[in-house]
Amino acid sequence: MKDQKGQALVEFILILPILLLIFLGLFDIGNVFYQRYQLMNELDVVADLYQDKKFDEYTAYVQKKRLNIGIEKKDQLTTITLSKSLKITTPGLDQVLKNKIEVETTVYEK
């Protein structure tokens, strides 16, 4: 009976790092989705400020939130793009994704 308890402990110790990496990876992926959702909300604010021609306010908002903004005008259509860099914390996943990931969202205004 003692051998089985010791064997279970050794197996758990061997599988623990793999479970931790999976958990941290899921945490990072969840963070990416949450940050993209937040970015879409921030894009709504910036688009409203831009549409109301409050250029100083949306510039200050973007700088305060540390976002990258791109505005492109073509004929009657204006494209506003916000992006943000996220740092990946999971060991191994940070090497695959080059230690950061870019989250981006776009809105089209007339």
Protein backbone atom coordinates (compact mmCIF):
# COMPACT_ATOMS: atom_id res chain seq x y z
CA MET A 1 0.00 0.00 0.00
CA LYS A 2 2.84 2.43 0.76
CA ASP A 3 4.35 1.87 -2.68
CA GLN A 4 1.14 2.99 -4.38
CA LYS A 5 1.04 6.26 -2.41
CA GLY A 6 4.65 6.98 -3.27
CA GLN A 7 4.05 6.13 -6.92
CA ALA A 8 1.04 8.48 -7.07
CA LEU A 9 3.12 11.27 -5.53
CA VAL A 10 5.94 10.79 -8.05
CA GLU A 11 3.48 10.76 -10.96
CA PHE A 12 1.83 13.92 -9.66
CA ILE A 13 5.20 15.66 -9.33
CA LEU A 14 6.08 14.66 -12.90
CA ILE A 15 2.79 15.92 -14.37
CA LEU A 16 2.59 19.14 -12.27
CA PRO A 17 4.85 21.32 -14.52
CA ILE A 18 2.83 20.34 -17.59
CA LEU A 19 -0.44 21.20 -15.85
CA LEU A 20 0.98 24.56 -14.74
CA LEU A 21 2.06 25.41 -18.30
CA ILE A 22 -1.40 24.52 -19.62
CA PHE A 23 -3.04 26.66 -16.92
CA LEU A 24 -0.76 29.63 -17.61
CA GLY A 25 -1.33 29.26 -21.36
CA LEU A 26 -5.09 29.32 -20.84
CA PHE A 27 -4.68 32.39 -18.65
CA ASP A 28 -2.71 34.17 -21.39
CA ILE A 29 -5.23 33.23 -24.08
CA GLY A 30 -8.09 34.42 -21.87
CA ASN A 31 -6.23 37.68 -21.30
CA VAL A 32 -5.90 38.21 -25.07
CA PHE A 33 -9.66 37.80 -25.54
CA TYR A 34 -10.41 40.11 -22.59
CA GLN A 35 -8.00 42.78 -23.86
CA ARG A 36 -9.59 42.60 -27.33
CA TYR A 37 -13.01 43.13 -25.76
CA GLN A 38 -11.66 46.12 -23.81
CA LEU A 39 -10.07 47.46 -27.00
CA MET A 40 -13.43 47.31 -28.80
CA ASN A 41 -14.98 49.38 -26.00
CA GLU A 42 -12.13 51.88 -26.19
CA LEU A 43 -12.57 52.06 -29.96
CA ASP A 44 -16.21 53.06 -29.47
CA VAL A 45 -15.10 55.94 -27.25
CA VAL A 46 -12.41 57.06 -29.70
CA ALA A 47 -14.79 56.81 -32.68
CA ASP A 48 -17.40 58.92 -30.88
CA LEU A 49 -14.80 61.56 -29.99
CA TYR A 50 -13.49 61.55 -33.56
CA GLN A 51 -16.98 61.84 -35.01
CA ASP A 52 -17.71 64.79 -32.69
CA LYS A 53 -14.44 66.38 -33.91
CA LYS A 54 -12.90 66.36 -30.41
CA PHE A 55 -9.42 65.65 -31.73
CA ASP A 56 -7.51 66.80 -28.63
CA GLU A 57 -9.65 64.63 -26.37
CA TYR A 58 -9.28 61.42 -28.38
CA THR A 59 -5.53 62.02 -28.73
CA ALA A 60 -5.22 62.43 -24.95
CA TYR A 61 -7.40 59.33 -24.40
CA VAL A 62 -5.26 57.20 -26.71
CA GLN A 63 -2.03 58.39 -25.07
CA LYS A 64 -3.42 57.80 -21.56
CA LYS A 65 -4.42 54.22 -22.43
CA ARG A 66 -1.12 53.60 -24.32
CA LEU A 67 -2.86 52.56 -27.52
CA ASN A 68 -1.69 52.74 -31.11
CA ILE A 69 -4.13 54.45 -33.44
CA GLY A 70 -4.41 54.52 -37.21
CA ILE A 71 -6.84 56.73 -39.10
CA GLU A 72 -7.27 56.36 -42.83
CA LYS A 73 -9.62 58.44 -44.97
CA LYS A 74 -10.75 57.24 -48.37
CA ASP A 75 -13.52 59.13 -50.14
CA GLN A 76 -16.44 59.30 -47.68
CA LEU A 77 -15.21 56.41 -45.51
CA THR A 78 -12.94 56.79 -42.47
CA THR A 79 -11.24 53.74 -40.98
CA ILE A 80 -10.11 53.95 -37.34
CA THR A 81 -7.88 51.17 -36.06
CA LEU A 82 -6.73 50.72 -32.46
CA SER A 83 -4.06 48.25 -31.44
CA LYS A 84 -2.26 47.27 -28.27
CA SER A 85 0.75 45.06 -27.53
CA LEU A 86 0.34 42.40 -24.85
CA LYS A 87 3.17 40.62 -23.10
CA ILE A 88 2.94 36.82 -22.93
CA THR A 89 3.94 35.36 -19.55
CA THR A 90 3.75 31.61 -20.20
CA PRO A 91 7.20 30.02 -20.60
CA GLY A 92 7.51 28.42 -24.04
CA LEU A 93 4.47 30.27 -25.39
CA ASP A 94 6.40 33.53 -25.13
CA GLN A 95 9.08 32.06 -27.41
CA VAL A 96 6.54 30.89 -29.98
CA LEU A 97 4.76 34.26 -30.06
CA LYS A 98 8.00 36.32 -29.79
CA ASN A 99 7.10 37.44 -26.22
CA LYS A 100 4.26 39.73 -27.34
CA ILE A 101 1.04 39.68 -29.28
CA GLU A 102 -0.71 42.55 -31.03
CA VAL A 103 -4.45 42.95 -30.42
CA GLU A 104 -6.25 45.06 -33.01
CA THR A 105 -9.78 46.20 -33.79
CA THR A 106 -11.21 48.43 -36.52
CA VAL A 107 -14.33 50.53 -37.10
CA TYR A 108 -15.54 52.13 -40.32
CA GLU A 109 -17.25 55.52 -40.15
CA LYS A 110 -19.00 57.58 -42.81
